[in-house]
């Protein structure tokens, strides 16, 4: 990320990312275990507290917790929405 953009984001009270593709970019488009911490999926990118809003179109998700998957082995694409919060320098989970 460009240093000047990172510096601008660091001044924000909250950064909002919308959309499945943006979430997948934040999570490095990796197939994380559902129970992995959202902070682990974000890696070092946390210039400010952030929220992601998305409709799941891919299996890329983290921070759901052990009971968040339901009874199936996959989340149904296009039927589940997720709002995730990541604090600056700390992890976050689905809300």
N, C-alpha and C. Protein backbone atom coordinates (compact mmCIF):
# COMPACT_ATOMS: atom_id res chain seq x y z
N UNK A 1 0.84 -1.17 0.00
CA UNK A 1 0.00 0.00 0.00
C UNK A 1 0.89 1.24 0.00
N UNK A 2 0.43 2.24 -0.72
CA UNK A 2 1.18 3.49 -0.79
C UNK A 2 1.27 4.11 0.60
N UNK A 3 2.45 4.55 1.00
CA UNK A 3 2.62 5.12 2.35
C UNK A 3 1.69 6.30 2.64
N UNK A 4 1.45 7.16 1.65
CA UNK A 4 0.57 8.31 1.90
C UNK A 4 -0.88 7.88 2.13
N UNK A 5 -1.32 6.81 1.43
CA UNK A 5 -2.68 6.30 1.67
C UNK A 5 -2.78 5.68 3.06
N UNK A 6 -1.77 4.92 3.45
CA UNK A 6 -1.75 4.32 4.79
C UNK A 6 -1.80 5.41 5.85
N UNK A 7 -1.07 6.49 5.63
CA UNK A 7 -1.04 7.60 6.58
C UNK A 7 -2.42 8.28 6.68
N UNK A 8 -3.10 8.43 5.54
CA UNK A 8 -4.45 9.02 5.55
C UNK A 8 -5.43 8.13 6.30
N UNK A 9 -5.36 6.83 6.05
CA UNK A 9 -6.26 5.89 6.74
C UNK A 9 -5.98 5.87 8.24
N UNK A 10 -4.73 6.04 8.64
CA UNK A 10 -4.36 6.02 10.05
C UNK A 10 -4.99 7.17 10.82
N UNK A 11 -5.38 8.22 10.14
CA UNK A 11 -6.01 9.37 10.79
C UNK A 11 -7.52 9.18 10.96
N UNK A 12 -8.08 8.16 10.36
CA UNK A 12 -9.53 7.93 10.40
C UNK A 12 -9.96 7.35 11.75
N UNK A 13 -11.18 7.67 12.14
CA UNK A 13 -11.78 7.08 13.32
C UNK A 13 -12.23 5.65 13.03
N UNK A 14 -12.72 5.43 11.80
CA UNK A 14 -13.19 4.13 11.37
C UNK A 14 -13.08 4.06 9.86
N UNK A 15 -12.60 2.94 9.34
CA UNK A 15 -12.53 2.71 7.89
C UNK A 15 -13.53 1.60 7.57
N UNK A 16 -14.39 1.84 6.57
CA UNK A 16 -15.42 0.87 6.19
C UNK A 16 -15.07 0.30 4.82
N UNK A 17 -15.02 -1.03 4.74
CA UNK A 17 -14.83 -1.73 3.47
C UNK A 17 -16.13 -2.44 3.15
N UNK A 18 -16.59 -2.29 1.92
CA UNK A 18 -17.85 -2.91 1.50
C UNK A 18 -17.56 -3.84 0.34
N UNK A 19 -18.18 -5.01 0.39
CA UNK A 19 -18.11 -5.93 -0.73
C UNK A 19 -17.23 -7.13 -0.48
N UNK A 20 -17.64 -8.22 -1.14
CA UNK A 20 -16.94 -9.49 -1.00
C UNK A 20 -15.51 -9.42 -1.51
N UNK A 21 -15.29 -8.77 -2.64
CA UNK A 21 -13.95 -8.69 -3.20
C UNK A 21 -13.00 -7.92 -2.29
N UNK A 22 -13.47 -6.81 -1.72
CA UNK A 22 -12.62 -6.04 -0.80
C UNK A 22 -12.27 -6.86 0.44
N UNK A 23 -13.24 -7.62 0.97
CA UNK A 23 -12.96 -8.48 2.12
C UNK A 23 -11.90 -9.51 1.75
N UNK A 24 -12.06 -10.13 0.59
CA UNK A 24 -11.10 -11.15 0.18
C UNK A 24 -9.70 -10.56 0.01
N UNK A 25 -9.61 -9.33 -0.45
CA UNK A 25 -8.29 -8.68 -0.55
C UNK A 25 -7.71 -8.45 0.84
N UNK A 26 -8.54 -8.02 1.78
CA UNK A 26 -8.06 -7.80 3.15
C UNK A 26 -7.55 -9.10 3.77
N UNK A 27 -8.22 -10.20 3.47
CA UNK A 27 -7.87 -11.51 4.04
C UNK A 27 -6.90 -12.28 3.14
N UNK A 28 -6.29 -11.60 2.20
CA UNK A 28 -5.30 -12.18 1.30
C UNK A 28 -5.87 -13.31 0.45
N UNK A 29 -7.18 -13.34 0.29
CA UNK A 29 -7.89 -14.34 -0.52
C UNK A 29 -7.46 -15.76 -0.17
N UNK A 30 -7.23 -15.99 1.13
CA UNK A 30 -6.85 -17.32 1.62
C UNK A 30 -8.07 -18.01 2.21
N UNK A 31 -8.06 -19.29 2.17
CA UNK A 31 -9.15 -20.07 2.76
C UNK A 31 -8.81 -20.33 4.23
N UNK A 32 -9.16 -19.36 5.07
CA UNK A 32 -8.88 -19.44 6.50
C UNK A 32 -9.83 -20.42 7.17
N UNK A 33 -9.40 -21.07 8.24
CA UNK A 33 -10.38 -21.81 9.05
C UNK A 33 -11.41 -20.81 9.58
N UNK A 34 -12.67 -21.19 9.65
CA UNK A 34 -13.72 -20.28 10.12
C UNK A 34 -13.41 -19.74 11.50
N UNK A 35 -12.71 -20.54 12.30
CA UNK A 35 -12.43 -20.15 13.67
C UNK A 35 -11.16 -19.30 13.81
N UNK A 36 -10.43 -19.09 12.71
CA UNK A 36 -9.24 -18.24 12.77
C UNK A 36 -9.65 -16.83 13.16
N UNK A 37 -8.80 -16.15 13.88
CA UNK A 37 -9.10 -14.78 14.28
C UNK A 37 -9.10 -13.86 13.06
N UNK A 38 -10.03 -12.92 13.04
CA UNK A 38 -10.09 -11.94 11.97
C UNK A 38 -8.77 -11.15 11.92
N UNK A 39 -8.18 -10.89 13.06
CA UNK A 39 -6.90 -10.16 13.11
C UNK A 39 -5.80 -10.93 12.40
N UNK A 40 -5.83 -12.27 12.48
CA UNK A 40 -4.84 -13.07 11.77
C UNK A 40 -5.04 -12.95 10.27
N UNK A 41 -6.28 -12.92 9.82
CA UNK A 41 -6.58 -12.79 8.40
C UNK A 41 -6.16 -11.41 7.87
N UNK A 42 -6.27 -10.39 8.71
CA UNK A 42 -5.88 -9.05 8.30
C UNK A 42 -4.37 -8.89 8.21
N UNK A 43 -3.65 -9.70 8.96
CA UNK A 43 -2.20 -9.56 8.98
C UNK A 43 -1.80 -8.20 9.55
N UNK A 44 -0.80 -7.56 8.98
CA UNK A 44 -0.33 -6.29 9.53
C UNK A 44 -1.19 -5.08 9.14
N UNK A 45 -2.19 -5.26 8.27
CA UNK A 45 -2.98 -4.12 7.80
C UNK A 45 -4.05 -3.74 8.81
N UNK A 46 -3.72 -2.78 9.67
CA UNK A 46 -4.69 -2.22 10.61
C UNK A 46 -4.29 -0.78 10.93
N UNK A 47 -4.37 0.10 9.94
CA UNK A 47 -3.99 1.48 10.21
C UNK A 47 -4.98 2.19 11.12
N UNK A 48 -6.22 1.73 11.14
CA UNK A 48 -7.29 2.32 11.94
C UNK A 48 -8.31 1.22 12.21
N UNK A 49 -9.21 1.42 13.17
CA UNK A 49 -10.29 0.45 13.33
C UNK A 49 -11.04 0.31 12.00
N UNK A 50 -11.44 -0.90 11.67
CA UNK A 50 -12.13 -1.10 10.40
C UNK A 50 -13.31 -2.04 10.53
N UNK A 51 -14.25 -1.84 9.62
CA UNK A 51 -15.44 -2.68 9.52
C UNK A 51 -15.53 -3.17 8.08
N UNK A 52 -15.88 -4.43 7.90
CA UNK A 52 -16.13 -4.96 6.57
C UNK A 52 -17.58 -5.41 6.50
N UNK A 53 -18.24 -5.07 5.43
CA UNK A 53 -19.63 -5.46 5.17
C UNK A 53 -19.64 -6.23 3.86
N UNK A 54 -20.24 -7.41 3.87
CA UNK A 54 -20.22 -8.21 2.64
C UNK A 54 -21.31 -9.25 2.63
N UNK A 55 -21.65 -9.69 1.45
CA UNK A 55 -22.45 -10.89 1.24
C UNK A 55 -21.46 -11.95 0.78
N UNK A 56 -21.46 -13.10 1.44
CA UNK A 56 -20.48 -14.13 1.12
C UNK A 56 -20.71 -14.69 -0.27
N UNK A 57 -19.69 -14.57 -1.10
CA UNK A 57 -19.72 -15.15 -2.44
C UNK A 57 -18.56 -16.12 -2.61
N UNK A 58 -17.74 -16.22 -1.57
CA UNK A 58 -16.58 -17.12 -1.58
C UNK A 58 -16.41 -17.67 -0.16
N UNK A 59 -15.64 -18.73 -0.03
CA UNK A 59 -15.41 -19.36 1.27
C UNK A 59 -14.36 -18.65 2.11
N UNK A 60 -13.89 -17.50 1.68
CA UNK A 60 -12.88 -16.75 2.42
C UNK A 60 -13.57 -16.02 3.56
N UNK A 61 -13.35 -16.51 4.79
CA UNK A 61 -13.90 -15.86 5.98
C UNK A 61 -13.12 -16.33 7.19
N UNK A 62 -13.00 -15.46 8.15
CA UNK A 62 -12.32 -15.79 9.41
C UNK A 62 -13.04 -15.06 10.53
N UNK A 63 -12.86 -15.55 11.75
CA UNK A 63 -13.44 -14.87 12.91
C UNK A 63 -14.88 -15.21 13.19
N UNK A 64 -15.38 -16.27 12.60
CA UNK A 64 -16.78 -16.63 12.79
C UNK A 64 -17.00 -17.34 14.12
N UNK A 65 -16.04 -18.09 14.57
CA UNK A 65 -16.19 -18.84 15.80
C UNK A 65 -16.70 -20.24 15.51
N UNK A 66 -16.60 -21.11 16.49
CA UNK A 66 -16.92 -22.52 16.30
C UNK A 66 -18.37 -22.76 15.92
N UNK A 67 -19.31 -21.99 16.45
CA UNK A 67 -20.72 -22.22 16.17
C UNK A 67 -21.26 -21.42 15.00
N UNK A 68 -20.45 -20.60 14.38
CA UNK A 68 -20.94 -19.70 13.34
C UNK A 68 -21.20 -20.33 12.00
N UNK A 69 -20.75 -21.54 11.77
CA UNK A 69 -20.91 -22.18 10.47
C UNK A 69 -22.26 -22.82 10.29
N UNK A 70 -22.98 -23.04 11.34
CA UNK A 70 -24.21 -23.80 11.20
C UNK A 70 -23.89 -25.28 11.12
N UNK A 71 -24.76 -26.04 10.49
CA UNK A 71 -24.56 -27.48 10.44
C UNK A 71 -23.84 -27.95 9.20
N UNK A 72 -23.71 -27.11 8.19
CA UNK A 72 -23.07 -27.53 6.95
C UNK A 72 -21.57 -27.37 6.99
N UNK A 73 -20.93 -27.90 5.97
CA UNK A 73 -19.48 -27.78 5.89
C UNK A 73 -19.07 -26.49 5.20
N UNK A 74 -20.03 -25.81 4.53
CA UNK A 74 -19.73 -24.56 3.86
C UNK A 74 -20.83 -23.56 4.17
N UNK A 75 -20.49 -22.29 4.07
CA UNK A 75 -21.50 -21.25 4.18
C UNK A 75 -22.16 -21.11 2.82
N UNK A 76 -23.47 -20.98 2.76
CA UNK A 76 -24.15 -20.88 1.46
C UNK A 76 -23.86 -19.55 0.77
N UNK A 77 -23.23 -19.60 -0.38
CA UNK A 77 -22.84 -18.38 -1.11
C UNK A 77 -24.07 -17.56 -1.46
N UNK A 78 -23.97 -16.25 -1.23
CA UNK A 78 -25.03 -15.33 -1.58
C UNK A 78 -26.18 -15.27 -0.61
N UNK A 79 -26.17 -16.11 0.42
CA UNK A 79 -27.26 -16.13 1.39
C UNK A 79 -26.87 -15.64 2.77
N UNK A 80 -25.60 -15.42 2.98
CA UNK A 80 -25.12 -15.03 4.30
C UNK A 80 -24.40 -13.69 4.19
N UNK A 81 -24.76 -12.78 5.08
CA UNK A 81 -24.06 -11.49 5.15
C UNK A 81 -23.17 -11.50 6.38
N UNK A 82 -22.10 -10.77 6.31
CA UNK A 82 -21.19 -10.70 7.45
C UNK A 82 -20.75 -9.27 7.67
N UNK A 83 -20.68 -8.91 8.94
CA UNK A 83 -20.13 -7.63 9.35
C UNK A 83 -19.01 -7.95 10.33
N UNK A 84 -17.79 -7.58 9.97
CA UNK A 84 -16.63 -7.89 10.80
C UNK A 84 -16.00 -6.60 11.28
N UNK A 85 -15.51 -6.61 12.51
CA UNK A 85 -14.84 -5.44 13.08
C UNK A 85 -13.43 -5.82 13.47
N UNK A 86 -12.49 -4.98 13.12
CA UNK A 86 -11.10 -5.17 13.52
C UNK A 86 -10.59 -3.90 14.16
N UNK A 87 -10.21 -3.97 15.42
CA UNK A 87 -9.68 -2.81 16.12
C UNK A 87 -8.25 -2.56 15.68
N UNK A 88 -7.81 -1.35 15.83
CA UNK A 88 -6.43 -1.02 15.47
C UNK A 88 -5.49 -1.83 16.36
N UNK A 89 -4.67 -2.66 15.72
CA UNK A 89 -3.66 -3.41 16.45
C UNK A 89 -4.18 -4.61 17.21
N UNK A 90 -5.50 -4.87 17.14
CA UNK A 90 -6.05 -6.04 17.84
C UNK A 90 -6.99 -6.77 16.90
N UNK A 91 -7.44 -7.92 17.31
CA UNK A 91 -8.33 -8.73 16.48
C UNK A 91 -9.77 -8.34 16.62
N UNK A 92 -10.60 -9.01 15.87
CA UNK A 92 -12.04 -8.81 15.93
C UNK A 92 -12.72 -10.02 15.37
N UNK A 93 -13.98 -10.17 15.66
CA UNK A 93 -14.74 -11.30 15.16
C UNK A 93 -16.05 -10.82 14.55
N UNK A 94 -16.75 -11.74 13.97
CA UNK A 94 -18.01 -11.41 13.30
C UNK A 94 -19.03 -10.90 14.28
N UNK A 95 -19.85 -10.02 13.80
CA UNK A 95 -20.94 -9.47 14.59
C UNK A 95 -22.23 -9.74 13.88
